[in-house]
Amino acid sequence: IAFIHEEEKIELAMLNLRAGEMAMSLATFVISASYLKAGISLLSEDQWEKHYDLSLQLYSLYAEAEYCNGHFQDVAHATGFVINKGKSFEDKNRVYATLIKSLAAQNKTQDAMHIGFNVVTKLGVQRNWCLPDEAAIMKDIMEIKMILTNTTETELLNFKEMKDNSMITAMKFLQTLALCAYFAKQ
């Protein structure tokens, strides 16, 4: 595709992104990955500088599609690009989530949890480096259960909604990490 002008390549890459997004929404992950890979192939070496958002979206969505396809080497490759080229930590969160799920799917739960805990720490969550024993966990669960048992539906609905985007993102990562920890013990 050397004879196509740069602007046309970018237009084609954007069309491939839209087609890839549509295919993802229809759960046709193989087709999505092919569109996204075609879009990526249209980008030149300096496209991360010239068309950052397009590159970020193509690589991030490609990693997700390949995760759904079980092509974990492609996930690692795509997420590596975003982690290395991403301008901000927020831009990398989507691929970190995909990478963690990919590692967990390969039964590399320790690696997944290590990356996940690093992410939530960067998001501002303070944690103990040693896990509490089962008795402490059960005590906390019982306390929460008592609080919720004594809370009316109206009171529950009037609780403040979480607004801090970093903490919302951290909660999503913690949910994934809880699943990793659960399956690691099975």
Protein backbone atom coordinates (compact mmCIF):
# COMPACT_ATOMS: atom_id res chain seq x y z
CA ILE A 1 0.00 0.00 0.00
CA ALA A 2 3.00 2.22 -0.65
CA PHE A 3 1.21 4.16 -3.40
CA ILE A 4 -1.56 5.40 -1.07
CA HIS A 5 -1.05 8.90 0.36
CA GLU A 6 -0.62 9.37 4.08
CA GLU A 7 -4.03 11.03 4.53
CA GLU A 8 -5.75 8.14 2.75
CA LYS A 9 -3.96 5.62 4.98
CA ILE A 10 -5.20 7.44 8.07
CA GLU A 11 -8.73 7.51 6.66
CA LEU A 12 -8.54 3.79 5.96
CA ALA A 13 -7.17 3.14 9.45
CA MET A 14 -10.10 5.10 10.92
CA LEU A 15 -12.56 3.08 8.83
CA ASN A 16 -10.91 -0.13 10.03
CA LEU A 17 -11.24 1.09 13.61
CA ARG A 18 -14.97 1.76 13.14
CA ALA A 19 -15.44 -1.64 11.48
CA GLY A 20 -13.48 -3.29 14.31
CA GLU A 21 -15.64 -1.56 16.92
CA MET A 22 -18.78 -2.68 15.14
CA ALA A 23 -17.53 -6.26 14.92
CA MET A 24 -16.64 -6.20 18.65
CA SER A 25 -20.14 -4.99 19.49
CA LEU A 26 -21.49 -7.99 17.57
CA ALA A 27 -19.10 -10.38 19.38
CA THR A 28 -17.38 -11.32 16.11
CA PHE A 29 -13.92 -11.11 17.60
CA VAL A 30 -11.95 -12.76 14.78
CA ILE A 31 -13.39 -10.32 12.27
CA SER A 32 -12.82 -7.43 14.65
CA ALA A 33 -9.17 -8.40 15.12
CA SER A 34 -8.65 -8.58 11.36
CA TYR A 35 -10.06 -5.08 10.82
CA LEU A 36 -8.03 -3.66 13.70
CA LYS A 37 -4.83 -5.38 12.58
CA ALA A 38 -5.39 -3.98 9.08
CA GLY A 39 -5.81 -0.52 10.61
CA ILE A 40 -2.62 -0.91 12.60
CA SER A 41 -0.72 -2.04 9.49
CA LEU A 42 -1.63 1.26 7.82
CA LEU A 43 0.13 3.26 10.52
CA SER A 44 3.71 4.36 10.03
CA GLU A 45 6.37 4.35 12.73
CA ASP A 46 5.71 7.96 13.76
CA GLN A 47 1.91 7.64 13.89
CA TRP A 48 1.91 7.51 17.70
CA GLU A 49 3.16 11.08 17.58
CA LYS A 50 1.03 12.26 14.65
CA HIS A 51 -2.21 10.36 15.34
CA TYR A 52 -1.97 9.39 18.97
CA ASP A 53 -5.67 8.82 19.68
CA LEU A 54 -6.16 6.65 16.60
CA SER A 55 -3.09 4.54 17.45
CA LEU A 56 -4.19 4.20 21.06
CA GLN A 57 -7.70 3.09 20.10
CA LEU A 58 -6.55 0.65 17.42
CA TYR A 59 -3.99 -1.08 19.62
CA SER A 60 -6.20 -1.12 22.74
CA LEU A 61 -9.19 -2.59 20.95
CA TYR A 62 -6.98 -5.03 19.03
CA ALA A 63 -5.62 -6.33 22.35
CA GLU A 64 -9.19 -6.86 23.60
CA ALA A 65 -10.24 -8.65 20.42
CA GLU A 66 -7.24 -10.97 20.56
CA TYR A 67 -7.90 -11.63 24.25
CA CYS A 68 -11.40 -12.77 23.28
CA ASN A 69 -9.85 -14.94 20.56
CA GLY A 70 -7.39 -16.49 23.01
CA HIS A 71 -4.37 -15.17 21.09
CA PHE A 72 -2.39 -14.19 24.15
CA GLN A 73 0.91 -13.46 22.37
CA ASP A 74 -0.88 -10.87 20.25
CA VAL A 75 -2.40 -9.41 23.42
CA ALA A 76 1.05 -9.10 24.99
CA HIS A 77 2.44 -7.47 21.85
CA ALA A 78 -0.40 -4.92 21.51
CA THR A 79 -0.52 -4.07 25.22
CA GLY A 80 3.25 -3.66 25.21
CA PHE A 81 2.96 -1.04 22.49
CA VAL A 82 0.37 0.95 24.45
CA ILE A 83 2.26 0.65 27.73
CA ASN A 84 5.45 1.89 26.03
CA LYS A 85 3.90 4.58 23.83
CA GLY A 86 0.99 5.74 26.02
CA LYS A 87 1.29 9.33 27.17
CA SER A 88 -0.58 8.99 30.43
CA PHE A 89 -1.36 6.35 32.99
CA GLU A 90 -5.07 6.81 32.25
CA ASP A 91 -4.46 5.97 28.58
CA LYS A 92 -2.87 2.69 29.64
CA ASN A 93 -5.61 1.51 32.04
CA ARG A 94 -7.67 -0.22 29.34
CA VAL A 95 -4.73 -2.35 28.17
CA TYR A 96 -3.63 -3.07 31.73
CA ALA A 97 -7.11 -4.53 32.34
CA THR A 98 -6.85 -6.60 29.16
CA LEU A 99 -3.34 -7.77 30.03
CA ILE A 100 -4.40 -8.81 33.54
CA LYS A 101 -7.34 -10.83 32.19
CA SER A 102 -5.07 -12.37 29.55
CA LEU A 103 -2.50 -13.44 32.13
CA ALA A 104 -5.21 -14.85 34.38
CA ALA A 105 -6.67 -16.82 31.45
CA GLN A 106 -3.21 -18.38 30.97
CA ASN A 107 -3.15 -19.33 34.67
CA LYS A 108 -0.44 -16.74 35.34
CA THR A 109 -2.38 -15.34 38.27
CA GLN A 110 0.69 -14.19 40.22
CA ASP A 111 1.81 -12.04 37.28
CA ALA A 112 -1.75 -10.75 36.80
CA MET A 113 -2.09 -9.86 40.47
CA HIS A 114 1.34 -8.19 40.57
CA ILE A 115 0.43 -5.92 37.64
CA GLY A 116 -3.05 -5.31 39.07
CA PHE A 117 -1.76 -4.32 42.51
CA ASN A 118 0.73 -1.94 40.89
CA VAL A 119 -2.11 -0.34 38.92
CA VAL A 120 -4.40 0.13 41.93
CA THR A 121 -1.47 1.54 43.93
CA LYS A 122 -0.88 4.10 41.15
CA LEU A 123 -4.61 4.88 41.29
CA GLY A 124 -4.19 5.87 44.93
CA VAL A 125 -5.38 2.76 46.77
CA GLN A 126 -3.31 2.10 49.87
CA ARG A 127 -3.06 -1.54 50.88
CA ASN A 128 -1.26 -3.85 53.23
CA TRP A 129 1.39 -5.93 51.53
CA CYS A 130 0.33 -9.01 53.45
CA LEU A 131 -3.14 -10.45 53.06
CA PRO A 132 -5.32 -10.67 56.18
CA ASP A 133 -6.13 -14.06 57.62
CA GLU A 134 -9.48 -15.70 56.98
CA ALA A 135 -10.83 -14.77 60.44
CA ALA A 136 -10.24 -11.04 59.80
CA ILE A 137 -11.96 -11.30 56.42
CA MET A 138 -14.96 -13.10 57.94
CA LYS A 139 -15.17 -10.45 60.70
CA ASP A 140 -15.28 -7.67 58.07
CA ILE A 141 -17.89 -9.54 56.02
CA MET A 142 -20.09 -9.97 59.10
CA GLU A 143 -19.78 -6.27 59.98
CA ILE A 144 -20.81 -5.29 56.45
CA LYS A 145 -23.68 -7.78 56.57
CA MET A 146 -24.93 -6.26 59.85
CA ILE A 147 -24.75 -2.75 58.47
CA LEU A 148 -26.63 -3.74 55.32
CA THR A 149 -29.21 -5.74 57.29
CA ASN A 150 -30.03 -2.67 59.37
CA THR A 151 -30.14 -0.34 56.35
CA THR A 152 -33.47 0.37 54.74
CA GLU A 153 -33.90 0.38 50.98
CA THR A 154 -34.41 4.15 51.05
CA GLU A 155 -31.21 4.68 53.04
CA LEU A 156 -29.32 2.44 50.65
CA LEU A 157 -30.60 4.40 47.65
CA ASN A 158 -29.57 7.67 49.31
CA PHE A 159 -25.93 6.66 49.73
CA LYS A 160 -23.60 8.97 47.86
CA GLU A 161 -22.53 7.77 44.45
CA MET A 162 -18.80 7.41 43.98
CA LYS A 163 -17.55 10.29 41.82
CA ASP A 164 -13.76 9.88 41.97
CA ASN A 165 -12.80 8.40 38.59
CA SER A 166 -9.54 7.00 39.95
CA MET A 167 -11.40 5.11 42.68
CA ILE A 168 -14.06 3.88 40.22
CA THR A 169 -11.28 2.55 38.01
CA ALA A 170 -9.52 1.05 41.04
CA MET A 171 -12.74 -0.75 42.04
CA LYS A 172 -12.95 -2.32 38.57
CA PHE A 173 -9.36 -3.54 38.86
CA LEU A 174 -9.98 -4.83 42.39
CA GLN A 175 -12.98 -6.80 41.13
CA THR A 176 -10.76 -8.46 38.52
CA LEU A 177 -8.07 -9.10 41.13
CA ALA A 178 -10.59 -10.70 43.48
CA LEU A 179 -11.52 -13.13 40.71
CA CYS A 180 -7.83 -13.85 40.06
CA ALA A 181 -7.27 -14.56 43.73
CA TYR A 182 -10.33 -16.81 43.90
CA PHE A 183 -9.28 -18.88 40.89
CA ALA A 184 -5.67 -19.03 42.06
CA LYS A 185 -6.86 -20.88 45.17
CA GLN A 186 -8.96 -23.40 43.21
